[in-house]
Amino acid sequence: MHDVIILGGGPAGVAAGIYAKRYNMNMVLITESIGGLINETHEIDNYPGFPMISGAELAMKFEEHLRKLEVPIEYSEVESVEKQGEKFIVKTANGKTFESISIIIALGSRKKRLGVEGEKKLKGRGVSYCATCDAAFFKDKVVGVVGGNDSAAEAAMLLSKHASKVYVIYRREKIRAKPSLTEQIYSNPKIEVIHNTNVARLIGESKLEKAVLNNGTELSLDGLFVEIGQEPSTQAVEKLGLELDPAGYIKTDERMRTNIEGAFAAGDIRTTPLRQVVTAAADGAIAATSAFIHVQVMKRKQQAKE
């Protein structure tokens, strides 16, 4: 029986793992990979101590830190989480089962899909959700980016270093990235912004060939990068009965406590006004502290019964 199981290896899960280890808790961190979505981030310039670092590099440093502390890591997808009495049962995709007194849910979020005809068929065949991962494959090609937020602008700027032409397709009158990025987008000769437009469907057999826009325009594209935001990765914890906000994020208090006793949530998966590496890490530290206090209370109760 573990004191705590940490679900997720992004900044929140990593920080929770570090703090749980400092509290000498019997723990395991379950994740498919360390870093989460930061592995898909080209450059990070707002994390203290690192004026500029790639997401992949920061993820490597996270993993090095965990290994130095000898934090137990189970590399697998979290399949399901249930609460039976006062203990949590966590099952993973590799067939293992773990039990604990408390859990920290730090599963983060995932990229939203367009939900249009042809998208699923052409995923990995021109349709991508990670410019950092795939930009180099589109050297001297024509590509599109769907979205107008910071991640869309960052993707477009990265792609402009490889592709011959980059279309930014956005549903509003002006992209809403931070001012410095917005200026770079509109001044880049390789980038053309198509406003007030959505992608209606995608065409291609073995690979992406065209994107049909809702105004009837057909764009010939070699690649399309979808950057329309994120949604919480709560599928594995649906059975717990967690209280969610209208957007599907887990509600917590300032101590990262959910409505389920012993279950804490941290990082991008919870309701928060800001989703950044630094805020996720802070959440993880708080969640581990709260889990430690909860575990001590539960152990005292058990001792009193005995």
C-alpha atoms as a PDB file:
ATOM      1  CA  MET A   1       0.000   0.000   0.000  1.00  0.00           C
ATOM      2  CA  HIS A   2       1.494   3.312  -1.090  1.00  0.00           C
ATOM      3  CA  ASP A   3       1.071   6.545   0.820  1.00  0.00           C
ATOM      4  CA  VAL A   4       0.527   8.394  -2.450  1.00  0.00           C
ATOM      5  CA  ILE A   5       0.305   7.650  -6.158  1.00  0.00           C
ATOM      6  CA  ILE A   6       1.112  10.533  -8.477  1.00  0.00           C
ATOM      7  CA  LEU A   7      -0.668  10.354 -11.816  1.00  0.00           C
ATOM      8  CA  GLY A   8       1.213  12.219 -14.532  1.00  0.00           C
ATOM      9  CA  GLY A   9       4.788  13.269 -15.204  1.00  0.00           C
ATOM     10  CA  GLY A  10       4.442  16.869 -16.325  1.00  0.00           C
ATOM     11  CA  PRO A  11       5.706  19.816 -14.235  1.00  0.00           C
ATOM     12  CA  ALA A  12       2.971  19.289 -11.610  1.00  0.00           C
ATOM     13  CA  GLY A  13       3.614  15.566 -11.270  1.00  0.00           C
ATOM     14  CA  VAL A  14       7.388  16.037 -11.180  1.00  0.00           C
ATOM     15  CA  ALA A  15       7.185  18.687  -8.441  1.00  0.00           C
ATOM     16  CA  ALA A  16       4.769  16.488  -6.487  1.00  0.00           C
ATOM     17  CA  GLY A  17       7.226  13.617  -6.811  1.00  0.00           C
ATOM     18  CA  ILE A  18      10.114  15.740  -5.538  1.00  0.00           C
ATOM     19  CA  TYR A  19       8.152  16.970  -2.519  1.00  0.00           C
ATOM     20  CA  ALA A  20       6.638  13.578  -1.731  1.00  0.00           C
ATOM     21  CA  LYS A  21      10.141  12.129  -1.707  1.00  0.00           C
ATOM     22  CA  ARG A  22      11.303  14.911   0.613  1.00  0.00           C
ATOM     23  CA  TYR A  23       8.461  13.932   2.942  1.00  0.00           C
ATOM     24  CA  ASN A  24       9.753  10.343   2.779  1.00  0.00           C
ATOM     25  CA  MET A  25       6.405   9.076   1.529  1.00  0.00           C
ATOM     26  CA  ASN A  26       5.980   5.569   0.143  1.00  0.00           C
ATOM     27  CA  MET A  27       5.099   6.562  -3.399  1.00  0.00           C
ATOM     28  CA  VAL A  28       5.090   5.830  -7.114  1.00  0.00           C
ATOM     29  CA  LEU A  29       4.782   8.223 -10.045  1.00  0.00           C
ATOM     30  CA  ILE A  30       2.898   6.808 -13.036  1.00  0.00           C
ATOM     31  CA  THR A  31       3.354   8.449 -16.422  1.00  0.00           C
ATOM     32  CA  GLU A  32       3.882   7.650 -20.088  1.00  0.00           C
ATOM     33  CA  SER A  33       6.787  10.106 -20.245  1.00  0.00           C
ATOM     34  CA  ILE A  34       8.362  12.807 -18.119  1.00  0.00           C
ATOM     35  CA  GLY A  35       7.572  16.359 -19.154  1.00  0.00           C
ATOM     36  CA  GLY A  36       4.057  16.117 -20.512  1.00  0.00           C
ATOM     37  CA  LEU A  37       3.170  18.806 -23.039  1.00  0.00           C
ATOM     38  CA  ILE A  38       6.420  20.690 -22.475  1.00  0.00           C
ATOM     39  CA  ASN A  39       8.061  18.056 -24.686  1.00  0.00           C
ATOM     40  CA  GLU A  40       6.103  19.669 -27.526  1.00  0.00           C
ATOM     41  CA  THR A  41       7.175  23.216 -26.630  1.00  0.00           C
ATOM     42  CA  HIS A  42       9.889  24.655 -28.841  1.00  0.00           C
ATOM     43  CA  GLU A  43      11.239  27.251 -26.418  1.00  0.00           C
ATOM     44  CA  ILE A  44      10.498  28.201 -22.799  1.00  0.00           C
ATOM     45  CA  ASP A  45      11.691  31.639 -21.724  1.00  0.00           C
ATOM     46  CA  ASN A  46       9.684  32.293 -18.541  1.00  0.00           C
ATOM     47  CA  TYR A  47      10.768  29.513 -16.172  1.00  0.00           C
ATOM     48  CA  PRO A  48      12.975  30.919 -13.384  1.00  0.00           C
ATOM     49  CA  GLY A  49      16.648  30.121 -13.778  1.00  0.00           C
ATOM     50  CA  PHE A  50      16.370  29.317 -17.483  1.00  0.00           C
ATOM     51  CA  PRO A  51      16.260  32.467 -19.659  1.00  0.00           C
ATOM     52  CA  MET A  52      15.823  30.182 -22.684  1.00  0.00           C
ATOM     53  CA  ILE A  53      15.489  26.398 -22.794  1.00  0.00           C
ATOM     54  CA  SER A  54      13.672  23.965 -25.054  1.00  0.00           C
ATOM     55  CA  GLY A  55      10.806  21.950 -23.638  1.00  0.00           C
ATOM     56  CA  ALA A  56      12.654  18.714 -24.357  1.00  0.00           C
ATOM     57  CA  GLU A  57      15.736  19.925 -22.465  1.00  0.00           C
ATOM     58  CA  LEU A  58      13.687  20.965 -19.452  1.00  0.00           C
ATOM     59  CA  ALA A  59      11.914  17.601 -19.462  1.00  0.00           C
ATOM     60  CA  MET A  60      15.324  15.887 -19.400  1.00  0.00           C
ATOM     61  CA  LYS A  61      16.343  17.971 -16.398  1.00  0.00           C
ATOM     62  CA  PHE A  62      13.082  17.027 -14.662  1.00  0.00           C
ATOM     63  CA  GLU A  63      13.813  13.343 -15.222  1.00  0.00           C
ATOM     64  CA  GLU A  64      17.406  13.706 -14.013  1.00  0.00           C
ATOM     65  CA  HIS A  65      16.126  15.335 -10.811  1.00  0.00           C
ATOM     66  CA  LEU A  66      13.659  12.515 -10.168  1.00  0.00           C
ATOM     67  CA  ARG A  67      16.276   9.850 -10.790  1.00  0.00           C
ATOM     68  CA  LYS A  68      18.781  11.578  -8.502  1.00  0.00           C
ATOM     69  CA  LEU A  69      16.193  11.445  -5.717  1.00  0.00           C
ATOM     70  CA  GLU A  70      15.363   7.825  -6.645  1.00  0.00           C
ATOM     71  CA  VAL A  71      11.673   8.593  -7.140  1.00  0.00           C
ATOM     72  CA  PRO A  72       9.962   5.336  -8.252  1.00  0.00           C
ATOM     73  CA  ILE A  73       8.552   5.790 -11.758  1.00  0.00           C
ATOM     74  CA  GLU A  74       6.166   3.447 -13.550  1.00  0.00           C
ATOM     75  CA  TYR A  75       6.200   4.200 -17.274  1.00  0.00           C
ATOM     76  CA  SER A  76       2.692   3.406 -18.436  1.00  0.00           C
ATOM     77  CA  GLU A  77      -0.639   5.012 -19.245  1.00  0.00           C
ATOM     78  CA  VAL A  78      -3.110   5.365 -16.374  1.00  0.00           C
ATOM     79  CA  GLU A  79      -6.099   3.298 -17.423  1.00  0.00           C
ATOM     80  CA  SER A  80      -8.529   3.722 -14.498  1.00  0.00           C
ATOM     81  CA  VAL A  81      -8.761   5.026 -10.950  1.00  0.00           C
ATOM     82  CA  GLU A  82     -11.358   4.005  -8.360  1.00  0.00           C
ATOM     83  CA  LYS A  83     -11.843   4.535  -4.655  1.00  0.00           C
ATOM     84  CA  GLN A  84     -12.791   1.525  -2.546  1.00  0.00           C
ATOM     85  CA  GLY A  85     -13.469   2.480   1.037  1.00  0.00           C
ATOM     86  CA  GLU A  86     -10.539   4.628   2.101  1.00  0.00           C
ATOM     87  CA  LYS A  87      -8.052   3.409  -0.495  1.00  0.00           C
ATOM     88  CA  PHE A  88      -7.499   4.212  -4.162  1.00  0.00           C
ATOM     89  CA  ILE A  89      -7.038   1.536  -6.825  1.00  0.00           C
ATOM     90  CA  VAL A  90      -5.045   2.565  -9.898  1.00  0.00           C
ATOM     91  CA  LYS A  91      -4.803   0.310 -12.949  1.00  0.00           C
ATOM     92  CA  THR A  92      -2.314   0.897 -15.753  1.00  0.00           C
ATOM     93  CA  ALA A  93      -2.267  -0.054 -19.427  1.00  0.00           C
ATOM     94  CA  ASN A  94       0.596  -2.501 -18.838  1.00  0.00           C
ATOM     95  CA  GLY A  95      -1.650  -4.609 -16.609  1.00  0.00           C
ATOM     96  CA  LYS A  96      -0.421  -3.513 -13.186  1.00  0.00           C
ATOM     97  CA  THR A  97      -2.533  -2.470 -10.190  1.00  0.00           C
ATOM     98  CA  PHE A  98      -1.454  -0.058  -7.458  1.00  0.00           C
ATOM     99  CA  GLU A  99      -3.120   0.866  -4.158  1.00  0.00           C
ATOM    100  CA  SER A 100      -2.690   3.986  -2.058  1.00  0.00           C
ATOM    101  CA  ILE A 101      -4.019   6.103   0.758  1.00  0.00           C
ATOM    102  CA  SER A 102      -4.000   9.221  -1.424  1.00  0.00           C
ATOM    103  CA  ILE A 103      -3.591  10.232  -5.063  1.00  0.00           C
ATOM    104  CA  ILE A 104      -2.374  13.348  -6.838  1.00  0.00           C
ATOM    105  CA  ILE A 105      -4.015  13.792 -10.230  1.00  0.00           C
ATOM    106  CA  ALA A 106      -1.576  15.625 -12.482  1.00  0.00           C
ATOM    107  CA  LEU A 107      -2.554  14.185 -15.854  1.00  0.00           C
ATOM    108  CA  GLY A 108      -2.520  17.599 -17.498  1.00  0.00           C
ATOM    109  CA  SER A 109      -4.315  18.332 -20.724  1.00  0.00           C
ATOM    110  CA  ARG A 110      -4.208  17.271 -24.352  1.00  0.00           C
ATOM    111  CA  LYS A 111      -4.447  19.108 -27.638  1.00  0.00           C
ATOM    112  CA  LYS A 112      -7.979  19.613 -28.920  1.00  0.00           C
ATOM    113  CA  ARG A 113      -8.968  18.064 -32.240  1.00  0.00           C
ATOM    114  CA  LEU A 114     -10.713  19.871 -35.078  1.00  0.00           C
ATOM    115  CA  GLY A 115     -13.403  17.228 -35.341  1.00  0.00           C
ATOM    116  CA  VAL A 116     -13.698  17.547 -39.124  1.00  0.00           C
ATOM    117  CA  GLU A 117     -13.925  14.992 -41.911  1.00  0.00           C
ATOM    118  CA  GLY A 118     -10.545  13.534 -42.837  1.00  0.00           C
ATOM    119  CA  GLU A 119      -8.741  14.565 -39.648  1.00  0.00           C
ATOM    120  CA  LYS A 120      -8.574  11.146 -38.009  1.00  0.00           C
ATOM    121  CA  LYS A 121      -7.611   9.415 -41.269  1.00  0.00           C
ATOM    122  CA  LEU A 122      -4.781  11.868 -41.989  1.00  0.00           C
ATOM    123  CA  LYS A 123      -3.354  12.127 -38.475  1.00  0.00           C
ATOM    124  CA  GLY A 124       0.354  11.430 -38.834  1.00  0.00           C
ATOM    125  CA  ARG A 125       0.011  11.748 -42.605  1.00  0.00           C
ATOM    126  CA  GLY A 126       0.269  15.495 -42.741  1.00  0.00           C
ATOM    127  CA  VAL A 127      -1.990  16.358 -39.822  1.00  0.00           C
ATOM    128  CA  SER A 128       0.012  17.043 -36.664  1.00  0.00           C
ATOM    129  CA  TYR A 129      -0.534  18.375 -33.153  1.00  0.00           C
ATOM    130  CA  CYS A 130       3.143  19.037 -32.416  1.00  0.00           C
ATOM    131  CA  ALA A 131       5.153  21.528 -34.461  1.00  0.00           C
ATOM    132  CA  THR A 132       8.217  20.956 -32.309  1.00  0.00           C
ATOM    133  CA  CYS A 133       8.091  17.256 -33.129  1.00  0.00           C
ATOM    134  CA  ASP A 134       7.327  17.486 -36.848  1.00  0.00           C
ATOM    135  CA  ALA A 135       8.410  20.872 -38.246  1.00  0.00           C
ATOM    136  CA  ALA A 136      11.666  19.538 -39.701  1.00  0.00           C
ATOM    137  CA  PHE A 137       9.725  17.108 -41.912  1.00  0.00           C
ATOM    138  CA  PHE A 138       8.239  20.017 -43.863  1.00  0.00           C
ATOM    139  CA  LYS A 139      11.347  21.676 -45.251  1.00  0.00           C
ATOM    140  CA  ASP A 140      10.422  23.786 -48.293  1.00  0.00           C
ATOM    141  CA  LYS A 141       6.798  22.606 -48.044  1.00  0.00           C
ATOM    142  CA  VAL A 142       3.524  24.501 -47.710  1.00  0.00           C
ATOM    143  CA  VAL A 143       1.834  24.119 -44.338  1.00  0.00           C
ATOM    144  CA  GLY A 144      -1.073  25.493 -42.348  1.00  0.00           C
ATOM    145  CA  VAL A 145      -1.575  26.241 -38.668  1.00  0.00           C
ATOM    146  CA  VAL A 146      -5.082  26.322 -37.216  1.00  0.00           C
ATOM    147  CA  GLY A 147      -5.496  28.660 -34.248  1.00  0.00           C
ATOM    148  CA  GLY A 148      -4.673  32.125 -33.011  1.00  0.00           C
ATOM    149  CA  ASN A 149      -3.300  31.636 -29.483  1.00  0.00           C
ATOM    150  CA  ASP A 150       0.302  31.677 -28.252  1.00  0.00           C
ATOM    151  CA  SER A 151       0.912  28.035 -29.149  1.00  0.00           C
ATOM    152  CA  ALA A 152      -0.414  28.588 -32.675  1.00  0.00           C
ATOM    153  CA  ALA A 153       1.809  31.633 -33.142  1.00  0.00           C
ATOM    154  CA  GLU A 154       4.838  29.789 -31.776  1.00  0.00           C
ATOM    155  CA  ALA A 155       4.130  26.876 -34.107  1.00  0.00           C
ATOM    156  CA  ALA A 156       3.844  29.212 -37.100  1.00  0.00           C
ATOM    157  CA  MET A 157       7.135  30.942 -36.265  1.00  0.00           C
ATOM    158  CA  LEU A 158       8.929  27.607 -35.885  1.00  0.00           C
ATOM    159  CA  LEU A 159       7.455  26.263 -39.112  1.00  0.00           C
ATOM    160  CA  SER A 160       8.505  29.409 -40.990  1.00  0.00           C
ATOM    161  CA  LYS A 161      12.118  28.365 -40.387  1.00  0.00           C
ATOM    162  CA  HIS A 162      11.522  25.171 -42.381  1.00  0.00           C
ATOM    163  CA  ALA A 163       8.540  25.571 -44.698  1.00  0.00           C
ATOM    164  CA  SER A 164       8.385  27.745 -47.805  1.00  0.00           C
ATOM    165  CA  LYS A 165       4.920  29.056 -46.875  1.00  0.00           C
ATOM    166  CA  VAL A 166       2.856  29.044 -43.687  1.00  0.00           C
ATOM    167  CA  TYR A 167      -0.866  29.806 -43.586  1.00  0.00           C
ATOM    168  CA  VAL A 168      -2.360  30.676 -40.197  1.00  0.00           C
ATOM    169  CA  ILE A 169      -6.073  29.892 -40.281  1.00  0.00           C
ATOM    170  CA  TYR A 170      -8.004  31.614 -37.531  1.00  0.00           C
ATOM    171  CA  ARG A 171     -11.700  32.058 -36.831  1.00  0.00           C
ATOM    172  CA  ARG A 172     -11.456  35.625 -35.524  1.00  0.00           C
ATOM    173  CA  GLU A 173     -10.478  39.029 -36.931  1.00  0.00           C
ATOM    174  CA  LYS A 174      -7.013  39.081 -35.374  1.00  0.00           C
ATOM    175  CA  ILE A 175      -4.838  36.465 -33.708  1.00  0.00           C
ATOM    176  CA  ARG A 176      -4.788  36.774 -29.922  1.00  0.00           C
ATOM    177  CA  ALA A 177      -1.226  35.704 -29.102  1.00  0.00           C
ATOM    178  CA  LYS A 178       0.904  37.866 -26.821  1.00  0.00           C
ATOM    179  CA  PRO A 179       1.905  41.180 -28.489  1.00  0.00           C
ATOM    180  CA  SER A 180       5.523  40.234 -29.221  1.00  0.00           C
ATOM    181  CA  LEU A 181       4.440  37.044 -31.012  1.00  0.00           C
ATOM    182  CA  THR A 182       1.596  38.754 -32.838  1.00  0.00           C
ATOM    183  CA  GLU A 183       3.987  41.336 -34.248  1.00  0.00           C
ATOM    184  CA  GLN A 184       6.354  38.614 -35.457  1.00  0.00           C
ATOM    185  CA  ILE A 185       3.527  36.753 -37.190  1.00  0.00           C
ATOM    186  CA  TYR A 186       2.211  39.740 -39.140  1.00  0.00           C
ATOM    187  CA  SER A 187       5.701  40.905 -40.137  1.00  0.00           C
ATOM    188  CA  ASN A 188       7.009  37.521 -41.301  1.00  0.00           C
ATOM    189  CA  PRO A 189       7.022  37.378 -45.139  1.00  0.00           C
ATOM    190  CA  LYS A 190       6.576  33.587 -45.113  1.00  0.00           C
ATOM    191  CA  ILE A 191       3.402  33.741 -43.032  1.00  0.00           C
ATOM    192  CA  GLU A 192      -0.064  34.617 -44.309  1.00  0.00           C
ATOM    193  CA  VAL A 193      -2.943  34.925 -41.834  1.00  0.00           C
ATOM    194  CA  ILE A 194      -6.414  33.953 -43.041  1.00  0.00           C
ATOM    195  CA  HIS A 195      -8.935  35.572 -40.687  1.00  0.00           C
ATOM    196  CA  ASN A 196     -12.587  34.788 -39.887  1.00  0.00           C
ATOM    197  CA  THR A 197     -12.214  31.270 -41.263  1.00  0.00           C
ATOM    198  CA  ASN A 198     -12.468  27.670 -40.092  1.00  0.00           C
ATOM    199  CA  VAL A 199     -11.294  24.395 -41.613  1.00  0.00           C
ATOM    200  CA  ALA A 200     -14.342  22.474 -42.832  1.00  0.00           C
ATOM    201  CA  ARG A 201     -12.728  19.229 -44.002  1.00  0.00           C
ATOM    202  CA  LEU A 202      -9.446  17.679 -45.047  1.00  0.00           C
ATOM    203  CA  ILE A 203      -8.714  15.884 -48.307  1.00  0.00           C
ATOM    204  CA  GLY A 204      -6.076  13.262 -49.030  1.00  0.00           C
ATOM    205  CA  GLU A 205      -5.568   9.546 -49.548  1.00  0.00           C
ATOM    206  CA  SER A 206      -2.159   8.379 -48.328  1.00  0.00           C
ATOM    207  CA  LYS A 207      -1.295  11.909 -47.143  1.00  0.00           C
ATOM    208  CA  LEU A 208      -2.825  15.352 -46.688  1.00  0.00           C
ATOM    209  CA  GLU A 209      -3.427  17.165 -49.961  1.00  0.00           C
ATOM    210  CA  LYS A 210      -5.918  19.961 -49.283  1.00  0.00           C
ATOM    211  CA  ALA A 211      -7.770  21.773 -46.535  1.00  0.00           C
ATOM    212  CA  VAL A 212     -11.255  22.950 -47.457  1.00  0.00           C
ATOM    213  CA  LEU A 213     -12.209  26.136 -45.607  1.00  0.00           C
ATOM    214  CA  ASN A 214     -15.737  27.087 -44.590  1.00  0.00           C
ATOM    215  CA  ASN A 215     -15.786  29.845 -47.219  1.00  0.00           C
ATOM    216  CA  GLY A 216     -15.283  27.233 -49.944  1.00  0.00           C
ATOM    217  CA  THR A 217     -11.595  27.963 -50.506  1.00  0.00           C
ATOM    218  CA  GLU A 218      -9.329  24.959 -51.027  1.00  0.00           C
ATOM    219  CA  LEU A 219      -5.753  25.279 -49.787  1.00  0.00           C
ATOM    220  CA  SER A 220      -3.162  22.877 -51.158  1.00  0.00           C
ATOM    221  CA  LEU A 221      -1.135  21.841 -48.124  1.00  0.00           C
ATOM    222  CA  ASP A 222       1.596  19.363 -47.311  1.00  0.00           C
ATOM    223  CA  GLY A 223       0.965  19.687 -43.593  1.00  0.00           C
ATOM    224  CA  LEU A 224      -1.593  21.048 -41.143  1.00  0.00           C
ATOM    225  CA  PHE A 225      -0.786  21.766 -37.491  1.00  0.00           C
ATOM    226  CA  VAL A 226      -3.735  21.983 -35.101  1.00  0.00           C
ATOM    227  CA  GLU A 227      -3.266  24.478 -32.252  1.00  0.00           C
ATOM    228  CA  ILE A 228      -6.776  25.315 -31.045  1.00  0.00           C
ATOM    229  CA  GLY A 229      -6.267  24.893 -27.331  1.00  0.00           C
ATOM    230  CA  GLN A 230      -6.340  22.073 -24.847  1.00  0.00           C
ATOM    231  CA  GLU A 231      -8.807  19.978 -22.881  1.00  0.00           C
ATOM    232  CA  PRO A 232      -8.319  18.243 -19.518  1.00  0.00           C
ATOM    233  CA  SER A 233      -7.172  14.603 -19.533  1.00  0.00           C
ATOM    234  CA  THR A 234      -9.775  13.369 -17.051  1.00  0.00           C
ATOM    235  CA  GLN A 235     -10.862  10.159 -18.795  1.00  0.00           C
ATOM    236  CA  ALA A 236      -8.943   7.842 -16.443  1.00  0.00           C
ATOM    237  CA  VAL A 237     -10.453   9.385 -13.300  1.00  0.00           C
ATOM    238  CA  GLU A 238     -14.081   9.609 -14.417  1.00  0.00           C
ATOM    239  CA  LYS A 239     -15.212   6.907 -11.961  1.00  0.00           C
ATOM    240  CA  LEU A 240     -14.100   8.918  -8.927  1.00  0.00           C
ATOM    241  CA  GLY A 241     -17.002  11.363  -9.141  1.00  0.00           C
ATOM    242  CA  LEU A 242     -14.833  14.459  -9.086  1.00  0.00           C
ATOM    243  CA  GLU A 243     -16.478  17.855  -9.198  1.00  0.00           C
ATOM    244  CA  LEU A 244     -15.677  19.570 -12.506  1.00  0.00           C
ATOM    245  CA  ASP A 245     -16.135  23.098 -13.814  1.00  0.00           C
ATOM    246  CA  PRO A 246     -18.205  23.733 -16.999  1.00  0.00           C
ATOM    247  CA  ALA A 247     -15.089  23.237 -19.154  1.00  0.00           C
ATOM    248  CA  GLY A 248     -14.385  19.844 -17.596  1.00  0.00           C
ATOM    249  CA  TYR A 249     -11.451  20.834 -15.382  1.00  0.00           C
ATOM    250  CA  ILE A 250     -11.225  19.485 -11.813  1.00  0.00           C
ATOM    251  CA  LYS A 251     -12.275  21.892  -9.078  1.00  0.00           C
ATOM    252  CA  THR A 252      -9.908  22.237  -6.120  1.00  0.00           C
ATOM    253  CA  ASP A 253      -9.377  24.538  -3.180  1.00  0.00           C
ATOM    254  CA  GLU A 254      -6.131  26.428  -2.530  1.00  0.00           C
ATOM    255  CA  ARG A 255      -4.625  23.267  -1.018  1.00  0.00           C
ATOM    256  CA  MET A 256      -5.338  21.288  -4.212  1.00  0.00           C
ATOM    257  CA  ARG A 257      -8.021  19.241  -2.423  1.00  0.00           C
ATOM    258  CA  THR A 258     -10.868  17.917  -4.573  1.00  0.00           C
ATOM    259  CA  ASN A 259     -14.347  16.967  -3.388  1.00  0.00           C
ATOM    260  CA  ILE A 260     -13.098  13.384  -2.918  1.00  0.00           C
ATOM    261  CA  GLU A 261     -11.197  12.901   0.341  1.00  0.00           C
ATOM    262  CA  GLY A 262      -7.615  11.888  -0.295  1.00  0.00           C
ATOM    263  CA  ALA A 263      -7.693  12.936  -3.954  1.00  0.00           C
ATOM    264  CA  PHE A 264      -5.718  16.032  -4.931  1.00  0.00           C
ATOM    265  CA  ALA A 265      -5.347  17.658  -8.348  1.00  0.00           C
ATOM    266  CA  ALA A 266      -2.508  19.796  -9.652  1.00  0.00           C
ATOM    267  CA  GLY A 267      -1.438  21.577 -12.824  1.00  0.00           C
ATOM    268  CA  ASP A 268      -3.301  21.996 -16.098  1.00  0.00           C
ATOM    269  CA  ILE A 269      -6.005  19.470 -15.209  1.00  0.00           C
ATOM    270  CA  ARG A 270      -7.522  21.668 -12.507  1.00  0.00           C
ATOM    271  CA  THR A 271      -9.474  24.920 -12.606  1.00  0.00           C
ATOM    272  CA  THR A 272      -6.878  27.690 -12.554  1.00  0.00           C
ATOM    273  CA  PRO A 273      -6.500  31.210 -13.998  1.00  0.00           C
ATOM    274  CA  LEU A 274      -3.056  30.456 -15.453  1.00  0.00           C
ATOM    275  CA  ARG A 275      -1.636  27.288 -17.018  1.00  0.00           C
ATOM    276  CA  GLN A 276       2.141  27.598 -17.130  1.00  0.00           C
ATOM    277  CA  VAL A 277       5.116  25.400 -16.174  1.00  0.00           C
ATOM    278  CA  VAL A 278       5.820  27.500 -13.090  1.00  0.00           C
ATOM    279  CA  THR A 279       2.231  27.438 -11.802  1.00  0.00           C
ATOM    280  CA  ALA A 280       1.908  23.698 -12.432  1.00  0.00           C
ATOM    281  CA  ALA A 281       5.092  23.053 -10.457  1.00  0.00           C
ATOM    282  CA  ALA A 282       3.774  25.151  -7.576  1.00  0.00           C
ATOM    283  CA  ASP A 283       0.507  23.194  -7.634  1.00  0.00           C
ATOM    284  CA  GLY A 284       2.447  19.936  -7.421  1.00  0.00           C
ATOM    285  CA  ALA A 285       4.386  21.066  -4.370  1.00  0.00           C
ATOM    286  CA  ILE A 286       1.191  22.126  -2.600  1.00  0.00           C
ATOM    287  CA  ALA A 287      -0.615  18.899  -3.558  1.00  0.00           C
ATOM    288  CA  ALA A 288       2.212  16.756  -2.162  1.00  0.00           C
ATOM    289  CA  THR A 289       2.163  18.717   1.086  1.00  0.00           C
ATOM    290  CA  SER A 290      -1.605  18.276   1.383  1.00  0.00           C
ATOM    291  CA  ALA A 291      -1.320  14.565   0.585  1.00  0.00           C
ATOM    292  CA  PHE A 292       1.353  14.160   3.260  1.00  0.00           C
ATOM    293  CA  ILE A 293      -0.894  15.783   5.879  1.00  0.00           C
ATOM    294  CA  HIS A 294      -3.834  13.606   4.798  1.00  0.00           C
ATOM    295  CA  VAL A 295      -1.776  10.421   5.007  1.00  0.00           C
ATOM    296  CA  GLN A 296      -0.538  11.278   8.514  1.00  0.00           C
ATOM    297  CA  VAL A 297      -4.120  11.847   9.692  1.00  0.00           C
ATOM    298  CA  MET A 298      -5.288   8.558   8.155  1.00  0.00           C
ATOM    299  CA  LYS A 299      -2.423   6.622   9.736  1.00  0.00           C
ATOM    300  CA  ARG A 300      -3.177   8.094  13.168  1.00  0.00           C
ATOM    301  CA  LYS A 301      -6.808   7.079  12.797  1.00  0.00           C
ATOM    302  CA  GLN A 302      -5.766   3.565  11.900  1.00  0.00           C
ATOM    303  CA  GLN A 303      -3.409   3.352  14.863  1.00  0.00           C
ATOM    304  CA  ALA A 304      -6.181   4.541  17.181  1.00  0.00           C
ATOM    305  CA  LYS A 305      -8.440   1.741  15.941  1.00  0.00           C
ATOM    306  CA  GLU A 306      -5.746  -0.826  16.627  1.00  0.00           C
END
